[in-house]
């Protein structure tokens, strides 16, 4: 049997996970195969997304993004603990499958979140979700 594609691996790791914020959104896979840069900059991300240069954008680490989602709380029940483990596994999968994983948060209030890294083939890909912060 053939090994699953990167798209399948990341989609499966994120299947059914909702990123916690004021509204919860699923993760979707994306690729930026036409961007050949060795590094990814905020300005590059805005260009790839077709956003104006003055669009608010913030760069974070994967640890910063997943801090709350991967932290077990004393009051968590079985379901919450299982969700924490899923987020820990997702983080590990992203780090195993992609190099130089970075997070870009684009916009205000309804923020598009791009978790992106370099694929073994040398292009940029990852998972996208949204968060709402009022």
N, C-alpha and C. Protein backbone atom coordinates (compact mmCIF):
# COMPACT_ATOMS: atom_id res chain seq x y z
N UNK A 1 0.84 -1.19 0.00
CA UNK A 1 0.00 0.00 0.00
C UNK A 1 0.88 1.25 0.00
N UNK A 2 0.49 2.23 -0.78
CA UNK A 2 1.28 3.46 -0.90
C UNK A 2 1.21 4.27 0.40
N UNK A 3 2.30 4.96 0.67
CA UNK A 3 2.35 5.83 1.84
C UNK A 3 1.41 7.02 1.61
N UNK A 4 0.70 7.47 2.64
CA UNK A 4 -0.22 8.60 2.44
C UNK A 4 0.53 9.87 2.05
N UNK A 5 -0.14 10.70 1.27
CA UNK A 5 0.45 11.98 0.86
C UNK A 5 0.51 12.92 2.06
N UNK A 6 1.26 13.98 1.92
CA UNK A 6 1.34 15.00 2.97
C UNK A 6 -0.04 15.56 3.26
N UNK A 7 -0.79 15.83 2.21
CA UNK A 7 -2.16 16.34 2.36
C UNK A 7 -3.00 15.38 3.20
N UNK A 8 -2.93 14.09 2.88
CA UNK A 8 -3.70 13.09 3.63
C UNK A 8 -3.24 12.99 5.07
N UNK A 9 -1.92 13.01 5.28
CA UNK A 9 -1.37 12.88 6.63
C UNK A 9 -1.81 14.04 7.52
N UNK A 10 -1.67 15.28 7.01
CA UNK A 10 -2.04 16.45 7.81
C UNK A 10 -3.55 16.54 8.00
N UNK A 11 -4.30 16.24 6.95
CA UNK A 11 -5.76 16.28 7.04
C UNK A 11 -6.25 15.26 8.06
N UNK A 12 -5.67 14.08 8.04
CA UNK A 12 -6.07 13.03 9.00
C UNK A 12 -5.71 13.44 10.43
N UNK A 13 -4.52 14.03 10.62
CA UNK A 13 -4.09 14.44 11.97
C UNK A 13 -5.02 15.52 12.54
N UNK A 14 -5.57 16.35 11.66
CA UNK A 14 -6.43 17.46 12.11
C UNK A 14 -7.92 17.13 12.03
N UNK A 15 -8.25 15.94 11.55
CA UNK A 15 -9.65 15.57 11.32
C UNK A 15 -10.51 15.76 12.56
N UNK A 16 -11.53 16.60 12.42
CA UNK A 16 -12.48 16.81 13.50
C UNK A 16 -12.02 17.77 14.59
N UNK A 17 -10.76 18.21 14.55
CA UNK A 17 -10.28 19.15 15.57
C UNK A 17 -10.78 20.55 15.28
N UNK A 18 -11.29 21.20 16.31
CA UNK A 18 -11.74 22.59 16.20
C UNK A 18 -10.78 23.44 17.02
N UNK A 19 -10.20 24.45 16.37
CA UNK A 19 -9.26 25.30 17.10
C UNK A 19 -10.04 26.21 18.04
N UNK A 20 -9.69 26.21 19.34
CA UNK A 20 -10.46 26.98 20.31
C UNK A 20 -10.27 28.49 20.16
N UNK A 21 -11.38 29.19 20.05
CA UNK A 21 -11.41 30.66 20.08
C UNK A 21 -12.86 31.03 20.36
N UNK A 22 -13.24 32.27 20.15
CA UNK A 22 -14.62 32.67 20.39
C UNK A 22 -15.59 31.93 19.47
N UNK A 23 -15.12 31.53 18.31
CA UNK A 23 -15.82 30.62 17.41
C UNK A 23 -14.81 29.53 17.07
N UNK A 24 -15.30 28.35 16.78
CA UNK A 24 -14.36 27.26 16.51
C UNK A 24 -14.45 26.87 15.04
N UNK A 25 -13.28 26.69 14.43
CA UNK A 25 -13.19 26.35 13.02
C UNK A 25 -12.31 25.12 12.84
N UNK A 26 -12.60 24.36 11.80
CA UNK A 26 -11.79 23.20 11.44
C UNK A 26 -10.50 23.65 10.77
N UNK A 27 -9.57 22.73 10.62
CA UNK A 27 -8.33 22.96 9.89
C UNK A 27 -8.51 22.44 8.46
N UNK A 28 -7.94 23.16 7.50
CA UNK A 28 -7.92 22.69 6.12
C UNK A 28 -6.49 22.74 5.59
N UNK A 29 -6.19 21.82 4.70
CA UNK A 29 -4.85 21.73 4.11
C UNK A 29 -4.71 22.76 2.99
N UNK A 30 -3.52 23.32 2.83
CA UNK A 30 -3.24 24.23 1.71
C UNK A 30 -1.80 24.05 1.27
N UNK A 31 -1.51 24.48 0.04
CA UNK A 31 -0.15 24.48 -0.50
C UNK A 31 0.11 25.79 -1.21
N UNK A 32 1.36 26.23 -1.13
CA UNK A 32 1.83 27.36 -1.91
C UNK A 32 3.01 26.89 -2.78
N UNK A 33 2.75 26.05 -3.78
CA UNK A 33 3.83 25.45 -4.56
C UNK A 33 4.60 26.45 -5.43
N UNK A 34 3.99 27.59 -5.72
CA UNK A 34 4.67 28.56 -6.59
C UNK A 34 5.64 29.47 -5.84
N UNK A 35 5.63 29.42 -4.50
CA UNK A 35 6.57 30.24 -3.74
C UNK A 35 7.83 29.42 -3.52
N UNK A 36 8.94 29.87 -4.09
CA UNK A 36 10.19 29.11 -4.04
C UNK A 36 11.20 29.69 -3.04
N UNK A 37 10.81 30.70 -2.28
CA UNK A 37 11.74 31.32 -1.34
C UNK A 37 12.24 30.34 -0.28
N UNK A 38 13.47 30.57 0.16
CA UNK A 38 14.04 29.72 1.21
C UNK A 38 13.44 30.05 2.57
N UNK A 39 12.96 31.28 2.73
CA UNK A 39 12.31 31.70 3.96
C UNK A 39 10.97 32.31 3.60
N UNK A 40 10.11 32.31 4.59
CA UNK A 40 8.78 32.89 4.39
C UNK A 40 8.68 34.13 5.27
N UNK A 41 8.33 35.24 4.66
CA UNK A 41 8.21 36.51 5.37
C UNK A 41 6.75 36.94 5.40
N UNK A 42 6.41 37.81 6.33
CA UNK A 42 5.05 38.32 6.43
C UNK A 42 4.62 38.94 5.10
N UNK A 43 5.49 39.71 4.49
CA UNK A 43 5.16 40.35 3.21
C UNK A 43 4.90 39.31 2.12
N UNK A 44 5.64 38.20 2.15
CA UNK A 44 5.43 37.12 1.18
C UNK A 44 4.06 36.48 1.37
N UNK A 45 3.70 36.25 2.62
CA UNK A 45 2.40 35.64 2.93
C UNK A 45 1.27 36.53 2.44
N UNK A 46 1.37 37.82 2.70
CA UNK A 46 0.32 38.74 2.24
C UNK A 46 0.20 38.71 0.72
N UNK A 47 1.34 38.68 0.02
CA UNK A 47 1.31 38.60 -1.45
C UNK A 47 0.67 37.28 -1.91
N UNK A 48 1.05 36.17 -1.29
CA UNK A 48 0.49 34.87 -1.66
C UNK A 48 -1.02 34.82 -1.46
N UNK A 49 -1.50 35.52 -0.44
CA UNK A 49 -2.93 35.53 -0.13
C UNK A 49 -3.69 36.60 -0.90
N UNK A 50 -2.95 37.48 -1.60
CA UNK A 50 -3.60 38.56 -2.33
C UNK A 50 -4.14 39.65 -1.43
N UNK A 51 -3.52 39.83 -0.26
CA UNK A 51 -3.95 40.84 0.71
C UNK A 51 -3.17 42.15 0.49
N UNK A 52 -3.78 43.28 0.80
CA UNK A 52 -3.04 44.54 0.75
C UNK A 52 -1.84 44.51 1.71
N UNK A 53 -0.80 45.26 1.37
CA UNK A 53 0.43 45.28 2.15
C UNK A 53 0.22 45.76 3.58
N UNK A 54 -0.84 46.55 3.82
CA UNK A 54 -1.07 47.07 5.17
C UNK A 54 -2.00 46.17 6.01
N UNK A 55 -2.31 44.97 5.52
CA UNK A 55 -3.13 44.03 6.27
C UNK A 55 -2.37 43.62 7.53
N UNK A 56 -3.04 43.63 8.69
CA UNK A 56 -2.36 43.20 9.92
C UNK A 56 -1.92 41.74 9.81
N UNK A 57 -0.67 41.47 10.16
CA UNK A 57 -0.15 40.10 10.14
C UNK A 57 0.81 39.93 11.30
N UNK A 58 0.73 38.79 11.94
CA UNK A 58 1.56 38.52 13.10
C UNK A 58 2.17 37.13 12.93
N UNK A 59 3.46 37.02 13.22
CA UNK A 59 4.15 35.73 13.13
C UNK A 59 4.29 35.16 14.53
N UNK A 60 4.02 33.86 14.66
CA UNK A 60 4.13 33.16 15.94
C UNK A 60 4.82 31.82 15.72
N UNK A 61 5.16 31.17 16.82
CA UNK A 61 5.67 29.82 16.73
C UNK A 61 4.50 28.85 16.91
N UNK A 62 4.72 27.61 16.53
CA UNK A 62 3.71 26.58 16.72
C UNK A 62 3.43 26.38 18.21
N UNK A 63 4.48 26.45 19.04
CA UNK A 63 4.29 26.33 20.49
C UNK A 63 3.38 27.43 21.02
N UNK A 64 3.58 28.66 20.54
CA UNK A 64 2.74 29.78 21.00
C UNK A 64 1.29 29.57 20.57
N UNK A 65 1.09 29.13 19.33
CA UNK A 65 -0.27 28.93 18.84
C UNK A 65 -1.00 27.84 19.62
N UNK A 66 -0.31 26.73 19.90
CA UNK A 66 -0.95 25.57 20.53
C UNK A 66 -0.82 25.55 22.05
N UNK A 67 -0.28 26.61 22.65
CA UNK A 67 -0.04 26.62 24.10
C UNK A 67 -1.28 26.21 24.90
N UNK A 68 -2.39 26.89 24.70
CA UNK A 68 -3.60 26.59 25.47
C UNK A 68 -4.23 25.25 25.08
N UNK A 69 -4.13 24.90 23.81
CA UNK A 69 -4.76 23.67 23.31
C UNK A 69 -4.02 22.41 23.77
N UNK A 70 -2.75 22.56 24.17
CA UNK A 70 -1.96 21.38 24.56
C UNK A 70 -1.66 21.35 26.06
N UNK A 71 -2.31 22.20 26.82
CA UNK A 71 -2.10 22.27 28.26
C UNK A 71 -3.24 21.58 29.00
N UNK A 72 -2.90 20.57 29.79
CA UNK A 72 -3.92 19.86 30.58
C UNK A 72 -4.27 20.70 31.81
N UNK A 73 -5.55 20.81 32.09
CA UNK A 73 -6.04 21.53 33.26
C UNK A 73 -6.56 20.52 34.29
N UNK A 74 -6.45 20.86 35.57
CA UNK A 74 -6.91 19.98 36.65
C UNK A 74 -8.38 19.58 36.50
N UNK A 75 -9.19 20.50 36.01
CA UNK A 75 -10.62 20.26 35.95
C UNK A 75 -11.06 19.54 34.68
N UNK A 76 -10.13 19.21 33.79
CA UNK A 76 -10.49 18.52 32.54
C UNK A 76 -11.01 17.12 32.83
N UNK A 77 -12.02 16.76 32.06
CA UNK A 77 -12.53 15.40 32.09
C UNK A 77 -11.86 14.58 30.99
N UNK A 78 -12.38 13.39 30.80
CA UNK A 78 -11.82 12.47 29.81
C UNK A 78 -11.82 13.06 28.39
N UNK A 79 -12.93 13.70 28.02
CA UNK A 79 -13.07 14.27 26.67
C UNK A 79 -12.06 15.39 26.43
N UNK A 80 -11.92 16.29 27.41
CA UNK A 80 -10.97 17.41 27.26
C UNK A 80 -9.53 16.90 27.20
N UNK A 81 -9.20 15.90 28.02
CA UNK A 81 -7.86 15.33 28.01
C UNK A 81 -7.56 14.66 26.67
N UNK A 82 -8.56 13.99 26.10
CA UNK A 82 -8.39 13.36 24.79
C UNK A 82 -8.14 14.42 23.72
N UNK A 83 -8.83 15.56 23.83
CA UNK A 83 -8.63 16.65 22.86
C UNK A 83 -7.23 17.22 22.98
N UNK A 84 -6.73 17.39 24.19
CA UNK A 84 -5.36 17.87 24.40
C UNK A 84 -4.37 16.92 23.72
N UNK A 85 -4.58 15.62 23.88
CA UNK A 85 -3.69 14.63 23.26
C UNK A 85 -3.74 14.72 21.74
N UNK A 86 -4.92 14.98 21.19
CA UNK A 86 -5.05 15.14 19.72
C UNK A 86 -4.26 16.35 19.24
N UNK A 87 -4.32 17.46 20.00
CA UNK A 87 -3.57 18.66 19.61
C UNK A 87 -2.06 18.43 19.74
N UNK A 88 -1.65 17.70 20.77
CA UNK A 88 -0.23 17.36 20.92
C UNK A 88 0.22 16.52 19.72
N UNK A 89 -0.59 15.55 19.33
CA UNK A 89 -0.27 14.69 18.19
C UNK A 89 -0.24 15.51 16.89
N UNK A 90 -1.16 16.45 16.73
CA UNK A 90 -1.17 17.29 15.54
C UNK A 90 0.11 18.11 15.46
N UNK A 91 0.50 18.68 16.58
CA UNK A 91 1.74 19.47 16.63
C UNK A 91 2.94 18.62 16.24
N UNK A 92 3.01 17.40 16.78
CA UNK A 92 4.11 16.48 16.46
C UNK A 92 4.10 16.12 14.97
N UNK A 93 2.92 15.87 14.43
CA UNK A 93 2.81 15.51 13.01
C UNK A 93 3.28 16.66 12.12
N UNK A 94 2.87 17.88 12.46
CA UNK A 94 3.31 19.05 11.68
C UNK A 94 4.84 19.16 11.71
N UNK A 95 5.43 19.00 12.89
CA UNK A 95 6.89 19.10 13.01
C UNK A 95 7.61 17.96 12.31
N UNK A 96 6.99 16.78 12.24
CA UNK A 96 7.60 15.64 11.56
C UNK A 96 7.52 15.78 10.04
N UNK A 97 6.42 16.33 9.56
CA UNK A 97 6.16 16.37 8.11
C UNK A 97 6.70 17.61 7.41
N UNK A 98 6.87 18.70 8.17
CA UNK A 98 7.29 19.97 7.58
C UNK A 98 8.54 20.50 8.27
N UNK A 99 9.38 21.21 7.52
CA UNK A 99 10.55 21.86 8.10
C UNK A 99 10.25 23.34 8.29
N UNK A 100 10.91 23.94 9.28
CA UNK A 100 10.77 25.39 9.53
C UNK A 100 9.31 25.81 9.69
N UNK A 101 8.57 25.10 10.53
CA UNK A 101 7.15 25.41 10.72
C UNK A 101 7.00 26.79 11.37
N UNK A 102 6.14 27.60 10.76
CA UNK A 102 5.86 28.94 11.23
C UNK A 102 4.35 29.15 11.25
N UNK A 103 3.90 30.11 12.01
CA UNK A 103 2.48 30.44 12.07
C UNK A 103 2.32 31.91 11.72
N UNK A 104 1.39 32.19 10.82
CA UNK A 104 1.06 33.57 10.47
C UNK A 104 -0.42 33.79 10.75
N UNK A 105 -0.71 34.84 11.51
CA UNK A 105 -2.09 35.23 11.83
C UNK A 105 -2.37 36.50 11.01
N UNK A 106 -3.36 36.41 10.13
CA UNK A 106 -3.64 37.48 9.18
C UNK A 106 -5.02 38.07 9.46
N UNK A 107 -5.06 39.39 9.69
CA UNK A 107 -6.32 40.09 9.89
C UNK A 107 -6.54 40.47 11.34
N UNK A 108 -7.72 41.05 11.57
CA UNK A 108 -8.15 41.44 12.92
C UNK A 108 -9.54 40.88 13.16
N UNK A 109 -9.85 40.57 14.37
CA UNK A 109 -11.13 40.02 14.84
C UNK A 109 -11.36 38.63 14.24
N UNK A 110 -11.68 38.54 12.93
CA UNK A 110 -11.75 37.23 12.27
C UNK A 110 -10.38 37.02 11.63
N UNK A 111 -9.55 36.22 12.27
CA UNK A 111 -8.15 36.09 11.90
C UNK A 111 -7.92 34.76 11.19
N UNK A 112 -7.32 34.83 10.00
CA UNK A 112 -6.93 33.62 9.29
C UNK A 112 -5.58 33.18 9.84
N UNK A 113 -5.49 31.91 10.22
CA UNK A 113 -4.26 31.36 10.81
C UNK A 113 -3.68 30.34 9.83
N UNK A 114 -2.42 30.56 9.45
CA UNK A 114 -1.72 29.66 8.54
C UNK A 114 -0.55 29.03 9.28
N UNK A 115 -0.59 27.71 9.41
CA UNK A 115 0.53 26.94 9.96
C UNK A 115 1.24 26.39 8.74
N UNK A 116 2.44 26.88 8.48
CA UNK A 116 3.09 26.57 7.20
C UNK A 116 4.54 26.18 7.40
N UNK A 117 4.98 25.24 6.60
CA UNK A 117 6.37 24.81 6.63
C UNK A 117 6.78 24.28 5.27
N UNK A 118 8.03 23.93 5.16
CA UNK A 118 8.59 23.44 3.90
C UNK A 118 8.37 21.93 3.79
N UNK A 119 7.88 21.50 2.64
CA UNK A 119 7.64 20.08 2.39
C UNK A 119 8.95 19.40 1.97
N UNK A 120 8.99 18.07 1.99
CA UNK A 120 10.18 17.37 1.50
C UNK A 120 10.50 17.71 0.03
N UNK A 121 9.47 18.09 -0.73
CA UNK A 121 9.67 18.47 -2.14
C UNK A 121 10.19 19.89 -2.29
N UNK A 122 10.21 20.65 -1.18
CA UNK A 122 10.77 22.00 -1.22
C UNK A 122 9.78 23.12 -1.44
N UNK A 123 8.48 22.84 -1.39
CA UNK A 123 7.54 23.95 -1.46
C UNK A 123 6.87 24.14 -0.09
N UNK A 124 6.04 25.15 0.01
CA UNK A 124 5.43 25.51 1.29
C UNK A 124 4.00 25.00 1.35
N UNK A 125 3.63 24.42 2.50
CA UNK A 125 2.29 23.86 2.69
C UNK A 125 1.98 23.81 4.18
N UNK A 126 0.73 23.49 4.50
CA UNK A 126 0.37 23.37 5.90
C UNK A 126 -1.12 23.33 6.11
N UNK A 127 -1.53 23.81 7.27
CA UNK A 127 -2.94 23.83 7.66
C UNK A 127 -3.38 25.26 7.92
N UNK A 128 -4.63 25.52 7.58
CA UNK A 128 -5.21 26.85 7.78
C UNK A 128 -6.46 26.70 8.62
N UNK A 129 -6.68 27.67 9.51
CA UNK A 129 -7.92 27.74 10.27
C UNK A 129 -8.24 29.20 10.52
N UNK A 130 -9.28 29.46 11.26
CA UNK A 130 -9.65 30.83 11.64
C UNK A 130 -9.82 30.89 13.14
N UNK A 131 -9.58 32.07 13.69
CA UNK A 131 -9.92 32.34 15.09
C UNK A 131 -10.68 33.66 15.12
N UNK A 132 -11.55 33.79 16.10
CA UNK A 132 -12.30 35.03 16.29
C UNK A 132 -11.88 35.59 17.64
N UNK A 133 -11.39 36.83 17.63
CA UNK A 133 -10.97 37.50 18.86
C UNK A 133 -11.54 38.91 18.85
N UNK A 134 -12.51 39.15 19.74
CA UNK A 134 -13.12 40.49 19.79
C UNK A 134 -12.61 41.26 20.98
